[in-house]
Protein backbone atom coordinates (compact mmCIF):
# COMPACT_ATOMS: atom_id res chain seq x y z
CA MET A 1 58.38 131.02 66.03
CA THR A 2 62.05 131.20 67.09
CA SER A 3 64.03 134.42 67.02
CA ASP A 4 66.06 133.08 64.06
CA ALA A 5 62.86 132.30 62.19
CA LEU A 6 61.56 135.82 62.83
CA LEU A 7 64.87 137.34 61.73
CA VAL A 8 64.84 135.22 58.58
CA LYS A 9 61.30 136.31 57.70
CA ARG A 10 62.22 139.96 58.28
CA ALA A 11 65.43 139.57 56.26
CA GLN A 12 63.57 137.92 53.40
CA ARG A 13 61.24 140.95 53.34
CA GLY A 14 64.27 143.23 52.88
CA ASP A 15 64.98 144.32 56.46
CA ARG A 16 68.70 145.12 56.38
CA ASN A 17 68.93 145.16 60.18
CA ALA A 18 67.61 141.58 60.27
CA VAL A 19 70.14 140.50 57.62
CA ASP A 20 72.91 142.14 59.62
CA ALA A 21 71.74 140.45 62.84
CA LEU A 22 71.66 137.01 61.17
CA LEU A 23 75.16 137.46 59.79
CA ARG A 24 76.52 138.67 63.12
CA GLU A 25 74.91 135.76 65.00
CA ASN A 26 76.44 133.21 62.66
CA TYR A 27 79.77 134.87 61.78
CA ASP A 28 81.93 133.11 64.38
CA ILE A 29 80.84 129.62 63.43
CA ILE A 30 81.08 130.37 59.69
CA ARG A 31 84.61 131.65 60.23
CA ALA A 32 85.56 128.66 62.39
CA VAL A 33 84.24 126.18 59.82
CA CYS A 34 86.11 127.90 56.98
CA HIS A 35 89.35 128.14 58.99
CA ARG A 36 89.31 124.50 60.01
CA ILE A 37 88.55 123.23 56.52
CA ILE A 38 91.03 125.47 54.73
CA ILE A 39 93.66 126.06 57.46
CA ASN A 40 95.45 128.92 55.61
CA THR A 41 94.23 132.12 57.26
CA SER A 42 93.94 134.42 54.26
CA ASP A 43 92.23 131.78 52.11
CA ALA A 44 89.87 130.95 54.98
CA GLU A 45 88.99 134.62 55.37
CA ASP A 46 88.20 134.73 51.65
CA ALA A 47 85.93 131.70 52.04
CA THR A 48 84.25 133.30 55.06
CA GLN A 49 83.47 136.41 53.05
CA MET A 50 82.20 134.35 50.14
CA ALA A 51 79.96 132.39 52.52
CA LEU A 52 78.51 135.60 53.95
CA ILE A 53 77.81 136.92 50.46
CA ALA A 54 76.24 133.60 49.44
CA ILE A 55 73.99 133.64 52.51
CA VAL A 56 72.72 137.12 51.69
CA ARG A 57 72.13 136.21 48.05
CA ALA A 58 70.40 132.92 48.84
CA LEU A 59 68.35 134.20 51.79
CA PRO A 60 65.24 134.87 49.68
CA SER A 61 65.22 131.21 48.61
CA PHE A 62 65.63 129.78 52.13
CA ASP A 63 62.47 127.73 52.56
CA GLY A 64 62.80 126.60 56.16
CA ARG A 65 62.84 122.86 55.40
CA ALA A 66 66.17 122.62 57.24
CA LYS A 67 67.14 124.54 60.34
CA PHE A 68 68.62 127.91 59.47
CA SER A 69 71.91 126.97 61.17
CA THR A 70 72.17 123.77 59.11
CA TRP A 71 71.59 125.80 55.95
CA VAL A 72 74.31 128.27 57.03
CA TYR A 73 76.78 125.41 57.71
CA ARG A 74 76.10 123.99 54.27
CA ILE A 75 76.84 127.34 52.65
CA ALA A 76 80.01 127.82 54.75
CA THR A 77 81.19 124.31 53.93
CA ASN A 78 80.53 124.81 50.22
CA ALA A 79 82.35 128.16 50.26
CA ALA A 80 85.35 126.53 51.96
CA LEU A 81 85.38 123.63 49.50
CA ASP A 82 85.09 126.06 46.57
CA GLU A 83 88.06 127.99 47.96
CA LEU A 84 90.05 124.76 48.28
CA ARG A 85 89.33 124.02 44.61
CA ARG A 86 90.51 127.52 43.68
CA ILE A 87 93.67 127.01 45.73
CA LYS A 88 94.38 123.71 43.95
CA ARG A 89 94.09 125.45 40.56
CA ARG A 90 96.68 128.08 41.51
CA ASP A 91 100.20 127.71 40.23
CA ILE A 92 101.75 128.59 43.58
CA PRO A 93 103.04 125.67 45.63
CA ASN A 94 101.07 124.68 48.71
CA ASP A 95 102.93 126.00 51.75
CA ASP A 96 102.70 122.95 54.00
CA ALA A 97 106.11 123.87 55.41
CA GLN A 98 104.44 126.41 57.69
CA PHE A 99 103.16 123.48 59.74
CA GLU A 100 106.40 121.48 59.91
CA ASN A 101 108.29 123.62 62.41
CA ILE A 102 105.61 125.25 64.50
CA SER A 103 107.24 126.70 67.58
CA VAL A 104 105.86 129.31 69.92
CA THR A 105 108.43 129.88 72.63
CA ASP A 106 106.39 131.98 75.04
CA ALA A 107 103.02 130.30 74.49
CA THR A 108 101.33 128.10 77.01
CA HIS A 109 101.12 124.35 76.56
CA ALA A 110 97.46 124.67 75.58
CA VAL A 111 98.33 126.99 72.70
CA ASP A 112 101.08 124.62 71.57
CA ALA A 113 98.62 121.73 71.69
CA GLN A 114 96.06 123.70 69.68
CA MET A 115 98.70 124.48 67.07
CA ASP A 116 99.66 120.80 66.92
CA VAL A 117 96.03 119.88 66.33
CA SER A 118 95.67 122.54 63.62
CA ALA A 119 98.84 121.36 61.91
CA ALA A 120 97.72 117.75 62.05
CA LEU A 121 94.22 118.67 60.88
CA ALA A 122 95.75 120.35 57.83
CA GLN A 123 97.23 116.98 56.87
CA VAL A 124 93.98 115.01 57.20
CA ALA A 125 92.34 114.16 53.88
CA GLU A 126 89.89 116.88 52.84
CA GLU A 127 86.72 114.77 52.92
CA PHE A 128 87.56 113.56 56.43
CA ARG A 129 88.62 117.03 57.63
CA VAL A 130 85.31 118.54 56.48
CA ALA A 131 83.34 115.91 58.40
CA LEU A 132 85.50 116.43 61.51
CA VAL A 133 85.02 120.19 61.37
CA LEU A 134 81.26 119.94 60.97
CA ARG A 135 81.03 117.50 63.89
CA HIS A 136 83.50 119.01 66.35
CA ILE A 137 83.61 122.70 65.42
CA ALA A 138 80.05 123.24 64.23
CA ASP A 139 78.77 120.63 66.73
CA LEU A 140 76.36 119.13 64.20
CA ASP A 141 74.87 115.67 64.55
CA TYR A 142 75.42 112.96 61.94
CA GLU A 143 72.11 113.58 60.19
CA GLU A 144 72.81 117.31 59.80
CA ILE A 145 76.27 116.57 58.42
CA ALA A 146 74.76 114.09 55.97
CA VAL A 147 72.35 116.75 54.71
CA ILE A 148 75.12 119.34 54.31
CA LEU A 149 77.51 116.97 52.53
CA GLU A 150 74.69 115.27 50.62
CA VAL A 151 75.89 111.81 51.62
CA PRO A 152 74.29 108.97 53.63
CA VAL A 153 74.69 108.96 57.42
CA GLY A 154 76.82 105.82 57.12
CA THR A 155 79.28 107.75 54.97
CA VAL A 156 79.44 110.47 57.62
CA ARG A 157 80.22 107.85 60.28
CA SER A 158 82.92 106.35 58.08
CA ARG A 159 84.50 109.72 57.28
CA LEU A 160 84.51 110.70 60.95
CA SER A 161 86.06 107.41 61.96
CA ARG A 162 88.74 107.57 59.29
CA GLY A 163 89.40 111.25 59.99
CA ARG A 164 89.81 110.59 63.71
CA ALA A 165 92.16 107.71 62.92
CA GLN A 166 94.27 109.94 60.66
CA LEU A 167 94.31 112.72 63.24
CA THR A 168 95.28 110.33 66.03
CA ALA A 169 98.06 108.83 63.90
CA LEU A 170 99.38 112.30 63.08
CA LEU A 171 99.33 113.37 66.71
CA GLY A 172 100.70 110.08 68.05
CA ASN A 173 100.50 109.65 71.84
CA GLN A 174 100.13 113.40 72.19
CA GLY A 175 96.76 113.05 70.45
CA GLU A 176 95.22 111.55 73.57
CA SER A 177 95.95 114.56 75.79
CA THR A 178 95.37 117.06 73.01
CA HIS A 179 92.02 115.41 72.33
CA ARG A 180 90.92 115.96 75.93
CA GLN A 181 92.32 119.49 76.18
CA ASN A 182 90.79 120.74 72.96
CA ASN A 183 87.53 118.79 72.92
CA ASP A 184 88.70 116.96 69.81
CA ILE A 185 89.41 119.75 67.33
CA GLY A 186 87.37 122.49 68.93
CA GLY A 187 88.34 126.04 69.65
CA GLN A 188 88.59 129.15 67.60
CA PRO A 189 91.15 129.47 64.80
């Protein structure tokens, strides 16, 4: 039995230290997934917190049919998508202007490139952005993404292809070097 499986069993029996350990082990990837899907920092932090709460609440029903990490990614993705729906219902205008004039005068070229990728990613259609994040941030394979999004593997392939095309178009020629520097859309938010 893996260490995650042991922690899950202990957590399901009410061991608070095991719950804490599971959340700490998975926090960074949950946060990264939420930040890349939502883009706006405060909304992404809200989604991250909601995902953590959902994991704790749903832990007793985790049955082990999927890998624990896949289950966590599904919850994080759903929390981020729920937050996006809440954002869309708000009466405040979407502040896309924050991405139009990104300029960091003293930052290195790598930081500028990462910001360009983040800005471009924010403009990619939501269904494609989610697939890109799960593939390149969470490093999931197509089958795992299909399970999380509850779509066929062919749909995952299509969304990734279309998302990459949108991202490349948004980044223009710079997308080629940014792609290599940032391992597609990788990196921490």
